[in-house]
Amino acid sequence: MSRRARTRASSPNVPEMPLTSERQCWAEALKVEAIHADSAPAFIAERIGALALAGDETGVERWRQIAARLDQLREPRQFLLI
């Protein structure tokens, strides 16, 4: 077990945060971005295409959700300075 995992597991003040489907989707989008960088959209498109050819509609939908999160990550953000 890593030091971080031991510390988290042994600390009573750190609440457990369940990995919801939404969080999992964001985590996957972040990982694809980290691994594939500028080619992340192409990687996702290839995955969607392969899953569609295989008839895996659930997989296609999942990767479309990941693609939507990746788009949100890449949107330029505007900050209002007060």
Protein backbone atom coordinates (compact mmCIF):
# COMPACT_ATOMS: atom_id res chain seq x y z
CA MET A 1 0.00 0.00 0.00
CA SER A 2 1.34 3.44 -0.89
CA ARG A 3 2.10 6.01 1.77
CA ARG A 4 -0.74 8.19 0.52
CA ALA A 5 -3.20 5.29 0.72
CA ARG A 6 -2.01 4.39 4.23
CA THR A 7 -2.35 7.99 5.39
CA ARG A 8 -5.81 8.35 3.90
CA ALA A 9 -6.96 5.00 5.26
CA SER A 10 -5.66 5.72 8.73
CA SER A 11 -6.94 9.30 8.99
CA PRO A 12 -10.38 9.49 10.59
CA ASN A 13 -10.84 13.10 9.40
CA VAL A 14 -10.62 12.26 5.69
CA PRO A 15 -14.04 11.25 4.38
CA GLU A 16 -14.22 8.50 1.82
CA MET A 17 -15.34 9.83 -1.54
CA PRO A 18 -17.08 7.18 -3.60
CA LEU A 19 -16.12 7.06 -7.26
CA THR A 20 -19.42 7.85 -8.91
CA SER A 21 -20.06 7.31 -12.59
CA GLU A 22 -19.66 11.06 -13.14
CA ARG A 23 -16.31 11.17 -11.35
CA GLN A 24 -15.15 8.08 -13.21
CA CYS A 25 -16.00 9.76 -16.50
CA TRP A 26 -14.04 12.90 -15.56
CA ALA A 27 -11.11 10.76 -14.41
CA GLU A 28 -11.09 8.93 -17.73
CA ALA A 29 -11.19 12.19 -19.68
CA LEU A 30 -8.29 13.58 -17.64
CA LYS A 31 -6.27 10.39 -18.15
CA VAL A 32 -6.89 10.37 -21.92
CA GLU A 33 -5.82 14.03 -22.04
CA ALA A 34 -2.68 13.29 -20.01
CA ILE A 35 -1.68 10.32 -22.17
CA HIS A 36 -2.69 11.52 -25.64
CA ALA A 37 -2.49 15.33 -25.33
CA ASP A 38 -3.29 16.93 -28.70
CA SER A 39 -4.25 13.59 -30.24
CA ALA A 40 -6.83 12.84 -27.51
CA PRO A 41 -9.84 13.73 -29.71
CA ALA A 42 -8.57 11.42 -32.46
CA PHE A 43 -7.98 8.62 -29.95
CA ILE A 44 -11.53 8.97 -28.64
CA ALA A 45 -12.97 9.07 -32.17
CA GLU A 46 -11.10 5.85 -32.98
CA ARG A 47 -12.48 4.17 -29.85
CA ILE A 48 -16.02 5.26 -30.69
CA GLY A 49 -15.64 4.03 -34.26
CA ALA A 50 -14.29 0.63 -33.20
CA LEU A 51 -17.04 0.17 -30.62
CA ALA A 52 -19.71 1.21 -33.11
CA LEU A 53 -18.42 -1.34 -35.63
CA ALA A 54 -18.52 -3.98 -32.90
CA GLY A 55 -22.12 -3.04 -32.09
CA ASP A 56 -21.26 -1.98 -28.53
CA GLU A 57 -23.76 0.84 -27.99
CA THR A 58 -23.01 1.04 -24.26
CA GLY A 59 -19.31 1.51 -25.02
CA VAL A 60 -20.08 4.10 -27.68
CA GLU A 61 -22.22 6.08 -25.23
CA ARG A 62 -19.52 5.90 -22.54
CA TRP A 63 -16.85 7.24 -24.88
CA ARG A 64 -19.19 9.97 -26.08
CA GLN A 65 -19.55 11.03 -22.45
CA ILE A 66 -15.76 11.03 -22.07
CA ALA A 67 -15.48 13.11 -25.27
CA ALA A 68 -17.94 15.65 -23.85
CA ARG A 69 -15.84 15.95 -20.67
CA LEU A 70 -12.68 16.37 -22.73
CA ASP A 71 -14.37 19.16 -24.69
CA GLN A 72 -15.25 20.87 -21.42
CA LEU A 73 -11.66 20.54 -20.21
CA ARG A 74 -10.41 22.17 -23.38
CA GLU A 75 -12.88 25.07 -23.45
CA PRO A 76 -11.25 28.42 -22.93
CA ARG A 77 -12.31 29.83 -19.60
CA GLN A 78 -13.09 33.42 -18.95
CA PHE A 79 -12.55 34.85 -15.52
CA LEU A 80 -14.22 37.91 -14.16
CA LEU A 81 -11.80 40.02 -12.17
CA ILE A 82 -13.44 42.18 -9.58
